[in-house]
Amino acid sequence: MRTAGLRIAVDDFGNGYSSMASLQRLPVDILKIDRSFTLGPAPDSAPAEPAFVQAILGLAAALSLDVIAEGVETADQRAALSALGCRTAQGYLFARPTPAASIDGLLAAERRGQTSQGLVSNGTGSA
């Protein structure tokens, strides 16, 4: 799959069946931190337990994996995750769920700088 340019991500890492054991046997490229670790007690709060995010980031760094924080809905969450070292995020802050037919237009608008937020955060809010 890699020779075809595909990358493998473990979705909802830290929750359910996505375990560290799977990292040993699967050719994983990306860990997607489950939103339960990126959201605090209220939807607009910073991560509830930064130690878990830091631990996942440390594990990913040791294994040379990329990390994406799921469920980022506010600029404060993005800032808190960035302060912890998480540079990539996804969530409602960047874009709402979009029909497949609209994706090309959304990406074209992003390239032209016509969206209010970067679709992918690198910690600064830009794509």
N, C-alpha and C. Protein backbone atom coordinates (compact mmCIF):
# COMPACT_ATOMS: atom_id res chain seq x y z
N MET A 1 0.82 -1.19 0.00
CA MET A 1 0.00 0.00 0.00
C MET A 1 0.87 1.26 0.00
N ARG A 2 1.97 1.21 0.71
CA ARG A 2 2.83 2.39 0.75
C ARG A 2 3.39 2.72 -0.62
N THR A 3 3.71 1.70 -1.41
CA THR A 3 4.23 1.96 -2.75
C THR A 3 3.18 2.65 -3.62
N ALA A 4 1.92 2.51 -3.28
CA ALA A 4 0.84 3.20 -3.99
C ALA A 4 0.59 4.58 -3.41
N GLY A 5 1.37 4.97 -2.39
CA GLY A 5 1.22 6.29 -1.80
C GLY A 5 0.20 6.36 -0.68
N LEU A 6 -0.26 5.22 -0.21
CA LEU A 6 -1.24 5.21 0.87
C LEU A 6 -0.55 5.14 2.22
N ARG A 7 -1.16 5.78 3.20
CA ARG A 7 -0.66 5.75 4.57
C ARG A 7 -1.75 5.16 5.45
N ILE A 8 -1.35 4.50 6.52
CA ILE A 8 -2.31 3.85 7.41
C ILE A 8 -2.38 4.60 8.73
N ALA A 9 -3.60 4.92 9.15
CA ALA A 9 -3.82 5.62 10.41
C ALA A 9 -4.62 4.74 11.35
N VAL A 10 -4.26 4.80 12.62
CA VAL A 10 -5.05 4.13 13.66
C VAL A 10 -6.03 5.18 14.18
N ASP A 11 -7.29 5.00 13.86
CA ASP A 11 -8.34 5.93 14.26
C ASP A 11 -8.69 5.71 15.73
N ASP A 12 -9.08 6.79 16.42
CA ASP A 12 -9.53 6.72 17.81
C ASP A 12 -8.48 6.08 18.72
N PHE A 13 -7.20 6.40 18.51
CA PHE A 13 -6.15 5.77 19.30
C PHE A 13 -6.35 6.06 20.78
N GLY A 14 -6.20 5.00 21.57
CA GLY A 14 -6.37 5.10 23.02
C GLY A 14 -7.74 4.66 23.47
N ASN A 15 -8.59 4.29 22.54
CA ASN A 15 -9.97 3.93 22.87
C ASN A 15 -10.30 2.59 22.20
N GLY A 16 -10.94 1.71 22.90
CA GLY A 16 -11.41 0.46 22.30
C GLY A 16 -10.30 -0.45 21.83
N TYR A 17 -10.40 -0.90 20.58
CA TYR A 17 -9.47 -1.89 20.05
C TYR A 17 -8.16 -1.31 19.55
N SER A 18 -8.06 0.01 19.47
CA SER A 18 -6.79 0.58 19.02
C SER A 18 -5.83 0.55 20.21
N SER A 19 -4.92 -0.38 20.17
CA SER A 19 -4.02 -0.57 21.31
C SER A 19 -2.57 -0.50 20.88
N MET A 20 -1.70 -0.42 21.87
CA MET A 20 -0.27 -0.40 21.58
C MET A 20 0.17 -1.70 20.94
N ALA A 21 -0.47 -2.79 21.27
CA ALA A 21 -0.11 -4.07 20.67
C ALA A 21 -0.29 -4.03 19.15
N SER A 22 -1.31 -3.31 18.69
CA SER A 22 -1.54 -3.23 17.25
C SER A 22 -0.42 -2.47 16.56
N LEU A 23 0.27 -1.59 17.28
CA LEU A 23 1.36 -0.84 16.68
C LEU A 23 2.55 -1.73 16.35
N GLN A 24 2.66 -2.84 17.07
CA GLN A 24 3.77 -3.77 16.83
C GLN A 24 3.56 -4.61 15.58
N ARG A 25 2.32 -4.88 15.23
CA ARG A 25 2.08 -5.81 14.12
C ARG A 25 1.51 -5.17 12.87
N LEU A 26 1.08 -3.92 12.95
CA LEU A 26 0.51 -3.25 11.78
C LEU A 26 1.48 -2.21 11.23
N PRO A 27 1.50 -2.03 9.91
CA PRO A 27 2.38 -1.01 9.33
C PRO A 27 1.75 0.38 9.43
N VAL A 28 1.70 0.90 10.63
CA VAL A 28 1.00 2.15 10.93
C VAL A 28 1.89 3.36 10.63
N ASP A 29 1.28 4.43 10.12
CA ASP A 29 1.98 5.68 9.85
C ASP A 29 1.51 6.83 10.74
N ILE A 30 0.22 6.77 11.15
CA ILE A 30 -0.40 7.90 11.84
C ILE A 30 -1.23 7.40 13.02
N LEU A 31 -1.12 8.11 14.15
CA LEU A 31 -2.03 7.87 15.27
C LEU A 31 -3.00 9.04 15.33
N LYS A 32 -4.28 8.73 15.35
CA LYS A 32 -5.30 9.76 15.51
C LYS A 32 -5.79 9.70 16.95
N ILE A 33 -5.43 10.73 17.73
CA ILE A 33 -5.78 10.75 19.16
C ILE A 33 -7.29 10.87 19.30
N ASP A 34 -7.88 9.93 20.01
CA ASP A 34 -9.32 9.93 20.21
C ASP A 34 -9.78 11.23 20.85
N ARG A 35 -10.93 11.71 20.43
CA ARG A 35 -11.46 12.98 20.92
C ARG A 35 -11.71 12.98 22.42
N SER A 36 -11.83 11.81 23.04
CA SER A 36 -12.02 11.78 24.48
C SER A 36 -10.79 12.32 25.21
N PHE A 37 -9.63 12.35 24.54
CA PHE A 37 -8.42 12.90 25.13
C PHE A 37 -8.21 14.36 24.75
N THR A 38 -8.86 14.82 23.69
CA THR A 38 -8.65 16.20 23.25
C THR A 38 -9.70 17.15 23.79
N LEU A 39 -10.83 16.63 24.25
CA LEU A 39 -11.88 17.47 24.81
C LEU A 39 -11.87 17.40 26.32
N GLY A 40 -12.03 18.54 26.94
CA GLY A 40 -12.16 18.57 28.39
C GLY A 40 -13.59 18.26 28.79
N PRO A 41 -13.96 18.55 30.03
CA PRO A 41 -15.30 18.25 30.52
C PRO A 41 -16.40 18.98 29.74
N ALA A 42 -16.09 20.17 29.22
CA ALA A 42 -17.05 20.90 28.40
C ALA A 42 -16.51 20.93 26.97
N PRO A 43 -17.39 20.93 25.97
CA PRO A 43 -16.92 20.89 24.58
C PRO A 43 -15.96 22.01 24.20
N ASP A 44 -16.00 23.14 24.90
CA ASP A 44 -15.13 24.25 24.53
C ASP A 44 -13.90 24.37 25.43
N SER A 45 -13.58 23.33 26.18
CA SER A 45 -12.44 23.41 27.09
C SER A 45 -11.22 22.71 26.52
N ALA A 46 -10.08 22.99 27.14
CA ALA A 46 -8.81 22.38 26.75
C ALA A 46 -8.83 20.90 27.14
N PRO A 47 -7.83 20.14 26.69
CA PRO A 47 -7.79 18.72 27.04
C PRO A 47 -7.94 18.49 28.54
N ALA A 48 -8.75 17.50 28.89
CA ALA A 48 -9.03 17.21 30.30
C ALA A 48 -7.78 16.72 31.02
N GLU A 49 -7.01 15.91 30.37
CA GLU A 49 -5.83 15.33 31.00
C GLU A 49 -4.66 15.42 30.02
N PRO A 50 -3.91 16.51 30.06
CA PRO A 50 -2.80 16.68 29.12
C PRO A 50 -1.78 15.54 29.16
N ALA A 51 -1.65 14.86 30.28
CA ALA A 51 -0.66 13.78 30.37
C ALA A 51 -0.92 12.68 29.35
N PHE A 52 -2.18 12.39 29.06
CA PHE A 52 -2.49 11.36 28.08
C PHE A 52 -2.08 11.80 26.68
N VAL A 53 -2.36 13.06 26.35
CA VAL A 53 -1.95 13.58 25.04
C VAL A 53 -0.43 13.57 24.94
N GLN A 54 0.26 14.00 25.98
CA GLN A 54 1.72 13.99 25.99
C GLN A 54 2.27 12.58 25.83
N ALA A 55 1.64 11.61 26.49
CA ALA A 55 2.10 10.23 26.40
C ALA A 55 1.94 9.69 24.97
N ILE A 56 0.81 9.99 24.35
CA ILE A 56 0.59 9.53 22.97
C ILE A 56 1.57 10.22 22.03
N LEU A 57 1.81 11.51 22.23
CA LEU A 57 2.78 12.23 21.40
C LEU A 57 4.18 11.65 21.57
N GLY A 58 4.54 11.32 22.80
CA GLY A 58 5.86 10.72 23.05
C GLY A 58 6.01 9.35 22.40
N LEU A 59 4.96 8.54 22.51
CA LEU A 59 4.97 7.22 21.87
C LEU A 59 5.10 7.36 20.36
N ALA A 60 4.32 8.27 19.78
CA ALA A 60 4.37 8.48 18.34
C ALA A 60 5.76 8.94 17.90
N ALA A 61 6.35 9.85 18.66
CA ALA A 61 7.69 10.33 18.31
C ALA A 61 8.71 9.19 18.37
N ALA A 62 8.62 8.35 19.40
CA ALA A 62 9.55 7.24 19.54
C ALA A 62 9.41 6.24 18.40
N LEU A 63 8.21 6.12 17.85
CA LEU A 63 7.95 5.18 16.76
C LEU A 63 7.96 5.84 15.38
N SER A 64 8.33 7.12 15.34
CA SER A 64 8.37 7.90 14.09
C SER A 64 7.01 7.91 13.38
N LEU A 65 5.95 8.12 14.16
CA LEU A 65 4.60 8.19 13.61
C LEU A 65 4.09 9.63 13.66
N ASP A 66 3.25 9.97 12.70
CA ASP A 66 2.58 11.26 12.73
C ASP A 66 1.38 11.16 13.67
N VAL A 67 0.89 12.31 14.14
CA VAL A 67 -0.23 12.35 15.07
C VAL A 67 -1.25 13.37 14.59
N ILE A 68 -2.52 13.02 14.70
CA ILE A 68 -3.62 13.94 14.43
C ILE A 68 -4.55 13.90 15.64
N ALA A 69 -4.87 15.06 16.19
CA ALA A 69 -5.83 15.15 17.30
C ALA A 69 -7.22 15.27 16.70
N GLU A 70 -8.11 14.40 17.12
CA GLU A 70 -9.49 14.41 16.63
C GLU A 70 -10.37 15.28 17.54
N GLY A 71 -11.44 15.80 16.97
CA GLY A 71 -12.47 16.46 17.76
C GLY A 71 -12.14 17.86 18.21
N VAL A 72 -11.28 18.56 17.50
CA VAL A 72 -10.92 19.92 17.89
C VAL A 72 -12.01 20.87 17.40
N GLU A 73 -12.65 21.54 18.35
CA GLU A 73 -13.79 22.39 18.03
C GLU A 73 -13.56 23.87 18.30
N THR A 74 -12.55 24.21 19.09
CA THR A 74 -12.33 25.62 19.42
C THR A 74 -10.86 26.00 19.25
N ALA A 75 -10.63 27.29 19.09
CA ALA A 75 -9.26 27.80 19.00
C ALA A 75 -8.50 27.53 20.29
N ASP A 76 -9.18 27.56 21.43
CA ASP A 76 -8.52 27.27 22.71
C ASP A 76 -8.02 25.83 22.75
N GLN A 77 -8.83 24.90 22.25
CA GLN A 77 -8.38 23.50 22.19
C GLN A 77 -7.17 23.38 21.29
N ARG A 78 -7.24 24.03 20.13
CA ARG A 78 -6.12 23.98 19.18
C ARG A 78 -4.86 24.53 19.85
N ALA A 79 -4.99 25.65 20.56
CA ALA A 79 -3.83 26.26 21.22
C ALA A 79 -3.28 25.35 22.31
N ALA A 80 -4.16 24.74 23.10
CA ALA A 80 -3.71 23.84 24.18
C ALA A 80 -2.98 22.63 23.60
N LEU A 81 -3.51 22.05 22.54
CA LEU A 81 -2.87 20.91 21.91
C LEU A 81 -1.53 21.30 21.29
N SER A 82 -1.49 22.47 20.68
CA SER A 82 -0.25 22.96 20.10
C SER A 82 0.81 23.15 21.19
N ALA A 83 0.39 23.69 22.34
CA ALA A 83 1.32 23.88 23.45
C ALA A 83 1.89 22.55 23.95
N LEU A 84 1.12 21.48 23.79
CA LEU A 84 1.59 20.15 24.19
C LEU A 84 2.48 19.52 23.12
N GLY A 85 2.54 20.14 21.94
CA GLY A 85 3.37 19.62 20.86
C GLY A 85 2.62 18.93 19.76
N CYS A 86 1.31 18.96 19.81
CA CYS A 86 0.49 18.34 18.77
C CYS A 86 0.26 19.38 17.68
N ARG A 87 0.81 19.14 16.50
CA ARG A 87 0.80 20.13 15.43
C ARG A 87 -0.29 19.92 14.38
N THR A 88 -0.99 18.80 14.41
CA THR A 88 -2.01 18.53 13.41
C THR A 88 -3.30 18.12 14.09
N ALA A 89 -4.41 18.67 13.60
CA ALA A 89 -5.70 18.40 14.23
C ALA A 89 -6.80 18.38 13.18
N GLN A 90 -7.91 17.80 13.57
CA GLN A 90 -9.10 17.83 12.73
C GLN A 90 -10.30 18.05 13.64
N GLY A 91 -11.35 18.58 13.08
CA GLY A 91 -12.56 18.79 13.86
C GLY A 91 -13.38 19.94 13.31
N TYR A 92 -14.46 20.24 13.98
CA TYR A 92 -15.39 21.28 13.54
C TYR A 92 -14.75 22.66 13.47
N LEU A 93 -13.67 22.89 14.20
CA LEU A 93 -12.99 24.17 14.11
C LEU A 93 -12.54 24.43 12.67
N PHE A 94 -12.17 23.39 11.96
CA PHE A 94 -11.61 23.53 10.63
C PHE A 94 -12.64 23.35 9.53
N ALA A 95 -13.56 22.42 9.70
CA ALA A 95 -14.61 22.19 8.70
C ALA A 95 -15.65 21.23 9.26
N ARG A 96 -16.87 21.42 8.86
CA ARG A 96 -17.97 20.52 9.21
C ARG A 96 -17.95 19.32 8.26
N PRO A 97 -18.61 18.23 8.62
CA PRO A 97 -18.72 17.11 7.67
C PRO A 97 -19.28 17.63 6.35
N THR A 98 -18.68 17.19 5.26
CA THR A 98 -19.00 17.72 3.94
C THR A 98 -19.27 16.58 2.97
N PRO A 99 -20.31 16.71 2.14
CA PRO A 99 -20.55 15.68 1.13
C PRO A 99 -19.34 15.55 0.19
N ALA A 100 -19.07 14.36 -0.25
CA ALA A 100 -17.91 14.09 -1.11
C ALA A 100 -17.92 14.98 -2.35
N ALA A 101 -19.07 15.27 -2.88
CA ALA A 101 -19.17 16.10 -4.09
C ALA A 101 -18.68 17.53 -3.86
N SER A 102 -18.62 17.97 -2.61
CA SER A 102 -18.22 19.35 -2.30
C SER A 102 -16.75 19.49 -1.92
N ILE A 103 -16.05 18.38 -1.77
CA ILE A 103 -14.67 18.42 -1.28
C ILE A 103 -13.74 19.18 -2.23
N ASP A 104 -13.83 18.94 -3.53
CA ASP A 104 -12.94 19.64 -4.46
C ASP A 104 -13.08 21.15 -4.34
N GLY A 105 -14.30 21.66 -4.25
CA GLY A 105 -14.51 23.10 -4.11
C GLY A 105 -13.98 23.63 -2.79
N LEU A 106 -14.16 22.87 -1.72
CA LEU A 106 -13.66 23.27 -0.41
C LEU A 106 -12.14 23.36 -0.40
N LEU A 107 -11.48 22.36 -0.99
CA LEU A 107 -10.02 22.37 -1.06
C LEU A 107 -9.51 23.50 -1.95
N ALA A 108 -10.20 23.76 -3.05
CA ALA A 108 -9.81 24.86 -3.94
C ALA A 108 -9.93 26.19 -3.21
N ALA A 109 -10.99 26.39 -2.44
CA ALA A 109 -11.16 27.62 -1.67
C ALA A 109 -10.06 27.76 -0.64
N GLU A 110 -9.68 26.66 -0.02
CA GLU A 110 -8.59 26.68 0.97
C GLU A 110 -7.29 27.10 0.30
N ARG A 111 -7.00 26.56 -0.88
CA ARG A 111 -5.76 26.93 -1.59
C ARG A 111 -5.75 28.41 -1.95
N ARG A 112 -6.91 28.97 -2.23
CA ARG A 112 -7.01 30.39 -2.57
C ARG A 112 -7.07 31.27 -1.32
N GLY A 113 -7.10 30.65 -0.13
CA GLY A 113 -7.15 31.40 1.11
C GLY A 113 -8.52 31.99 1.40
N GLN A 114 -9.57 31.34 0.88
CA GLN A 114 -10.92 31.87 1.03
C GLN A 114 -11.72 31.22 2.14
N THR A 115 -11.06 30.45 3.01
CA THR A 115 -11.76 29.88 4.16
C THR A 115 -11.31 30.61 5.40
N SER A 116 -12.15 30.61 6.44
CA SER A 116 -11.84 31.36 7.64
C SER A 116 -10.83 30.65 8.54
N GLN A 117 -10.72 29.34 8.41
CA GLN A 117 -9.77 28.57 9.21
C GLN A 117 -9.02 27.63 8.28
N GLY A 118 -7.78 27.29 8.66
CA GLY A 118 -7.08 26.28 7.90
C GLY A 118 -7.82 24.96 8.05
N LEU A 119 -7.91 24.17 7.00
CA LEU A 119 -8.59 22.88 7.08
C LEU A 119 -7.80 21.90 7.92
N VAL A 120 -6.49 22.07 7.94
CA VAL A 120 -5.63 21.23 8.77
C VAL A 120 -4.76 22.17 9.57
N SER A 121 -4.70 21.95 10.85
CA SER A 121 -3.90 22.81 11.71
C SER A 121 -2.49 22.28 11.84
N ASN A 122 -1.53 23.18 11.72
CA ASN A 122 -0.15 22.81 12.00
C ASN A 122 0.31 23.47 13.29
N GLY A 123 -0.67 23.88 14.11
CA GLY A 123 -0.35 24.51 15.39
C GLY A 123 -0.44 26.03 15.33
N THR A 124 -0.46 26.57 14.11
CA THR A 124 -0.55 28.02 13.97
C THR A 124 -1.88 28.45 13.39
N GLY A 125 -2.68 27.47 12.97
CA GLY A 125 -3.97 27.79 12.37
C GLY A 125 -3.91 27.82 10.86
N SER A 126 -2.72 27.68 10.29
CA SER A 126 -2.63 27.66 8.84
C SER A 126 -2.44 26.25 8.35
N ALA A 127 -2.80 26.04 7.11
CA ALA A 127 -2.71 24.68 6.55
C ALA A 127 -1.29 24.34 6.21
